[in-house]
Amino acid sequence: MLVQEAGIGGKTVMTPFEWLRFQDVSVTDIDFIETVIIDQSVYKQGLLK
């Protein structure tokens, strides 16, 4: 879904998911990337050992 970015003259921009899909990254790979980022964040907060 395209979103309106506030403060830049109402310019229409892509979401990170849309940009990755536009770069021909598979949905499976995007899901893996998101999982790694979330796991790393949780680990840094000390919630995952």
PDB file of N, CA and C in Angstrom:
ATOM      1  N   MET A   1       0.848  -1.176   0.000  1.00  0.00           N
ATOM      2  CA  MET A   1       0.000   0.000   0.000  1.00  0.00           C
ATOM      3  C   MET A   1       0.895   1.241   0.000  1.00  0.00           C
ATOM      4  N   LEU A   2       0.661   2.150  -0.916  1.00  0.00           N
ATOM      5  CA  LEU A   2       1.414   3.398  -0.927  1.00  0.00           C
ATOM      6  C   LEU A   2       0.867   4.324   0.143  1.00  0.00           C
ATOM      7  N   VAL A   3       1.751   5.076   0.761  1.00  0.00           N
ATOM      8  CA  VAL A   3       1.342   5.975   1.839  1.00  0.00           C
ATOM      9  C   VAL A   3       1.742   7.399   1.498  1.00  0.00           C
ATOM     10  N   GLN A   4       1.041   8.336   2.081  1.00  0.00           N
ATOM     11  CA  GLN A   4       1.390   9.741   1.925  1.00  0.00           C
ATOM     12  C   GLN A   4       2.403  10.108   3.005  1.00  0.00           C
ATOM     13  N   GLU A   5       3.518  10.668   2.603  1.00  0.00           N
ATOM     14  CA  GLU A   5       4.537  11.072   3.566  1.00  0.00           C
ATOM     15  C   GLU A   5       4.299  12.520   3.958  1.00  0.00           C
ATOM     16  N   ALA A   6       4.116  12.732   5.239  1.00  0.00           N
ATOM     17  CA  ALA A   6       3.834  14.083   5.741  1.00  0.00           C
ATOM     18  C   ALA A   6       5.079  14.952   5.628  1.00  0.00           C
ATOM     19  N   GLY A   7       4.885  16.205   5.343  1.00  0.00           N
ATOM     20  CA  GLY A   7       5.972  17.171   5.369  1.00  0.00           C
ATOM     21  C   GLY A   7       6.788  17.258   4.088  1.00  0.00           C
ATOM     22  N   ILE A   8       6.487  16.452   3.084  1.00  0.00           N
ATOM     23  CA  ILE A   8       7.242  16.530   1.834  1.00  0.00           C
ATOM     24  C   ILE A   8       6.259  16.770   0.694  1.00  0.00           C
ATOM     25  N   GLY A   9       5.449  17.767   0.865  1.00  0.00           N
ATOM     26  CA  GLY A   9       4.513  18.144  -0.187  1.00  0.00           C
ATOM     27  C   GLY A   9       3.536  17.047  -0.571  1.00  0.00           C
ATOM     28  N   GLY A  10       3.188  16.192   0.383  1.00  0.00           N
ATOM     29  CA  GLY A  10       2.236  15.126   0.105  1.00  0.00           C
ATOM     30  C   GLY A  10       2.765  14.084  -0.864  1.00  0.00           C
ATOM     31  N   LYS A  11       4.088  13.954  -0.954  1.00  0.00           N
ATOM     32  CA  LYS A  11       4.724  13.003  -1.869  1.00  0.00           C
ATOM     33  C   LYS A  11       4.334  11.564  -1.516  1.00  0.00           C
ATOM     34  N   THR A  12       4.007  10.778  -2.519  1.00  0.00           N
ATOM     35  CA  THR A  12       3.658   9.375  -2.312  1.00  0.00           C
ATOM     36  C   THR A  12       4.941   8.549  -2.271  1.00  0.00           C
ATOM     37  N   VAL A  13       5.078   7.743  -1.229  1.00  0.00           N
ATOM     38  CA  VAL A  13       6.278   6.917  -1.071  1.00  0.00           C
ATOM     39  C   VAL A  13       5.881   5.459  -0.862  1.00  0.00           C
ATOM     40  N   MET A  14       6.840   4.562  -1.065  1.00  0.00           N
ATOM     41  CA  MET A  14       6.606   3.139  -0.841  1.00  0.00           C
ATOM     42  C   MET A  14       6.914   2.784   0.608  1.00  0.00           C
ATOM     43  N   THR A  15       6.218   1.781   1.096  1.00  0.00           N
ATOM     44  CA  THR A  15       6.561   1.217   2.400  1.00  0.00           C
ATOM     45  C   THR A  15       7.833   0.383   2.217  1.00  0.00           C
ATOM     46  N   PRO A  16       8.553   0.073   3.314  1.00  0.00           N
ATOM     47  CA  PRO A  16       9.744  -0.782   3.183  1.00  0.00           C
ATOM     48  C   PRO A  16       9.427  -2.119   2.507  1.00  0.00           C
ATOM     49  N   PHE A  17       8.277  -2.715   2.845  1.00  0.00           N
ATOM     50  CA  PHE A  17       7.871  -3.986   2.228  1.00  0.00           C
ATOM     51  C   PHE A  17       7.723  -3.823   0.717  1.00  0.00           C
ATOM     52  N   GLU A  18       7.039  -2.758   0.300  1.00  0.00           N
ATOM     53  CA  GLU A  18       6.832  -2.521  -1.136  1.00  0.00           C
ATOM     54  C   GLU A  18       8.160  -2.306  -1.852  1.00  0.00           C
ATOM     55  N   TRP A  19       9.084  -1.578  -1.221  1.00  0.00           N
ATOM     56  CA  TRP A  19      10.380  -1.315  -1.841  1.00  0.00           C
ATOM     57  C   TRP A  19      11.144  -2.620  -2.038  1.00  0.00           C
ATOM     58  N   LEU A  20      11.143  -3.476  -1.006  1.00  0.00           N
ATOM     59  CA  LEU A  20      11.829  -4.762  -1.129  1.00  0.00           C
ATOM     60  C   LEU A  20      11.195  -5.627  -2.220  1.00  0.00           C
ATOM     61  N   ARG A  21       9.869  -5.643  -2.300  1.00  0.00           N
ATOM     62  CA  ARG A  21       9.190  -6.408  -3.358  1.00  0.00           C
ATOM     63  C   ARG A  21       9.549  -5.839  -4.730  1.00  0.00           C
ATOM     64  N   PHE A  22       9.647  -4.507  -4.843  1.00  0.00           N
ATOM     65  CA  PHE A  22      10.021  -3.858  -6.095  1.00  0.00           C
ATOM     66  C   PHE A  22      11.438  -4.266  -6.506  1.00  0.00           C
ATOM     67  N   GLN A  23      12.303  -4.540  -5.521  1.00  0.00           N
ATOM     68  CA  GLN A  23      13.675  -4.993  -5.785  1.00  0.00           C
ATOM     69  C   GLN A  23      13.718  -6.497  -6.065  1.00  0.00           C
ATOM     70  N   ASP A  24      12.554  -7.121  -6.172  1.00  0.00           N
ATOM     71  CA  ASP A  24      12.398  -8.550  -6.472  1.00  0.00           C
ATOM     72  C   ASP A  24      12.857  -9.449  -5.326  1.00  0.00           C
ATOM     73  N   VAL A  25      12.712  -8.973  -4.093  1.00  0.00           N
ATOM     74  CA  VAL A  25      12.981  -9.792  -2.913  1.00  0.00           C
ATOM     75  C   VAL A  25      11.705 -10.576  -2.614  1.00  0.00           C
ATOM     76  N   SER A  26      11.850 -11.864  -2.371  1.00  0.00           N
ATOM     77  CA  SER A  26      10.670 -12.705  -2.142  1.00  0.00           C
ATOM     78  C   SER A  26      10.030 -12.397  -0.786  1.00  0.00           C
ATOM     79  N   VAL A  27       8.752 -12.694  -0.676  1.00  0.00           N
ATOM     80  CA  VAL A  27       8.028 -12.492   0.582  1.00  0.00           C
ATOM     81  C   VAL A  27       8.655 -13.352   1.680  1.00  0.00           C
ATOM     82  N   THR A  28       9.107 -14.554   1.328  1.00  0.00           N
ATOM     83  CA  THR A  28       9.765 -15.437   2.297  1.00  0.00           C
ATOM     84  C   THR A  28      11.038 -14.791   2.836  1.00  0.00           C
ATOM     85  N   ASP A  29      11.833 -14.193   1.950  1.00  0.00           N
ATOM     86  CA  ASP A  29      13.062 -13.526   2.388  1.00  0.00           C
ATOM     87  C   ASP A  29      12.752 -12.311   3.250  1.00  0.00           C
ATOM     88  N   ILE A  30      11.724 -11.557   2.890  1.00  0.00           N
ATOM     89  CA  ILE A  30      11.332 -10.391   3.688  1.00  0.00           C
ATOM     90  C   ILE A  30      10.909 -10.840   5.077  1.00  0.00           C
ATOM     91  N   ASP A  31      10.149 -11.925   5.161  1.00  0.00           N
ATOM     92  CA  ASP A  31       9.719 -12.460   6.451  1.00  0.00           C
ATOM     93  C   ASP A  31      10.928 -12.861   7.289  1.00  0.00           C
ATOM     94  N   PHE A  32      11.924 -13.493   6.658  1.00  0.00           N
ATOM     95  CA  PHE A  32      13.145 -13.890   7.366  1.00  0.00           C
ATOM     96  C   PHE A  32      13.887 -12.662   7.892  1.00  0.00           C
ATOM     97  N   ILE A  33      14.022 -11.641   7.048  1.00  0.00           N
ATOM     98  CA  ILE A  33      14.706 -10.405   7.453  1.00  0.00           C
ATOM     99  C   ILE A  33      13.999  -9.780   8.651  1.00  0.00           C
ATOM    100  N   GLU A  34      12.668  -9.690   8.591  1.00  0.00           N
ATOM    101  CA  GLU A  34      11.901  -9.123   9.705  1.00  0.00           C
ATOM    102  C   GLU A  34      12.106  -9.937  10.980  1.00  0.00           C
ATOM    103  N   THR A  35      12.118 -11.264  10.860  1.00  0.00           N
ATOM    104  CA  THR A  35      12.303 -12.136  12.022  1.00  0.00           C
ATOM    105  C   THR A  35      13.670 -11.910  12.656  1.00  0.00           C
ATOM    106  N   VAL A  36      14.713 -11.810  11.840  1.00  0.00           N
ATOM    107  CA  VAL A  36      16.065 -11.581  12.356  1.00  0.00           C
ATOM    108  C   VAL A  36      16.140 -10.240  13.077  1.00  0.00           C
ATOM    109  N   ILE A  37      15.550  -9.205  12.501  1.00  0.00           N
ATOM    110  CA  ILE A  37      15.574  -7.878  13.123  1.00  0.00           C
ATOM    111  C   ILE A  37      14.843  -7.902  14.459  1.00  0.00           C
ATOM    112  N   ILE A  38      13.676  -8.525  14.503  1.00  0.00           N
ATOM    113  CA  ILE A  38      12.901  -8.604  15.745  1.00  0.00           C
ATOM    114  C   ILE A  38      13.661  -9.416  16.790  1.00  0.00           C
ATOM    115  N   ASP A  39      14.203 -10.579  16.402  1.00  0.00           N
ATOM    116  CA  ASP A  39      14.948 -11.418  17.342  1.00  0.00           C
ATOM    117  C   ASP A  39      16.164 -10.684  17.889  1.00  0.00           C
ATOM    118  N   GLN A  40      16.867  -9.946  17.034  1.00  0.00           N
ATOM    119  CA  GLN A  40      18.043  -9.200  17.477  1.00  0.00           C
ATOM    120  C   GLN A  40      17.639  -8.116  18.473  1.00  0.00           C
ATOM    121  N   SER A  41      16.530  -7.436  18.199  1.00  0.00           N
ATOM    122  CA  SER A  41      16.044  -6.390  19.094  1.00  0.00           C
ATOM    123  C   SER A  41      15.657  -6.973  20.447  1.00  0.00           C
ATOM    124  N   VAL A  42      14.954  -8.098  20.428  1.00  0.00           N
ATOM    125  CA  VAL A  42      14.532  -8.757  21.666  1.00  0.00           C
ATOM    126  C   VAL A  42      15.761  -9.227  22.440  1.00  0.00           C
ATOM    127  N   TYR A  43      16.758  -9.774  21.735  1.00  0.00           N
ATOM    128  CA  TYR A  43      17.987 -10.251  22.374  1.00  0.00           C
ATOM    129  C   TYR A  43      18.725  -9.095  23.046  1.00  0.00           C
ATOM    130  N   LYS A  44      18.835  -7.956  22.345  1.00  0.00           N
ATOM    131  CA  LYS A  44      19.531  -6.793  22.902  1.00  0.00           C
ATOM    132  C   LYS A  44      18.830  -6.262  24.145  1.00  0.00           C
ATOM    133  N   GLN A  45      17.513  -6.454  24.218  1.00  0.00           N
ATOM    134  CA  GLN A  45      16.767  -6.007  25.391  1.00  0.00           C
ATOM    135  C   GLN A  45      16.871  -7.013  26.536  1.00  0.00           C
ATOM    136  N   GLY A  46      17.545  -8.135  26.295  1.00  0.00           N
ATOM    137  CA  GLY A  46      17.730  -9.143  27.322  1.00  0.00           C
ATOM    138  C   GLY A  46      16.535 -10.046  27.532  1.00  0.00           C
ATOM    139  N   LEU A  47      15.603 -10.039  26.596  1.00  0.00           N
ATOM    140  CA  LEU A  47      14.400 -10.850  26.739  1.00  0.00           C
ATOM    141  C   LEU A  47      14.548 -12.219  26.090  1.00  0.00           C
ATOM    142  N   LEU A  48      15.620 -12.412  25.310  1.00  0.00           N
ATOM    143  CA  LEU A  48      15.853 -13.678  24.623  1.00  0.00           C
ATOM    144  C   LEU A  48      17.266 -14.120  24.950  1.00  0.00           C
ATOM    145  N   LYS A  49      17.408 -15.305  25.484  1.00  0.00           N
ATOM    146  CA  LYS A  49      18.743 -15.783  25.882  1.00  0.00           C
ATOM    147  C   LYS A  49      19.193 -16.889  24.962  1.00  0.00           C
TER     148      LYS A  49
END
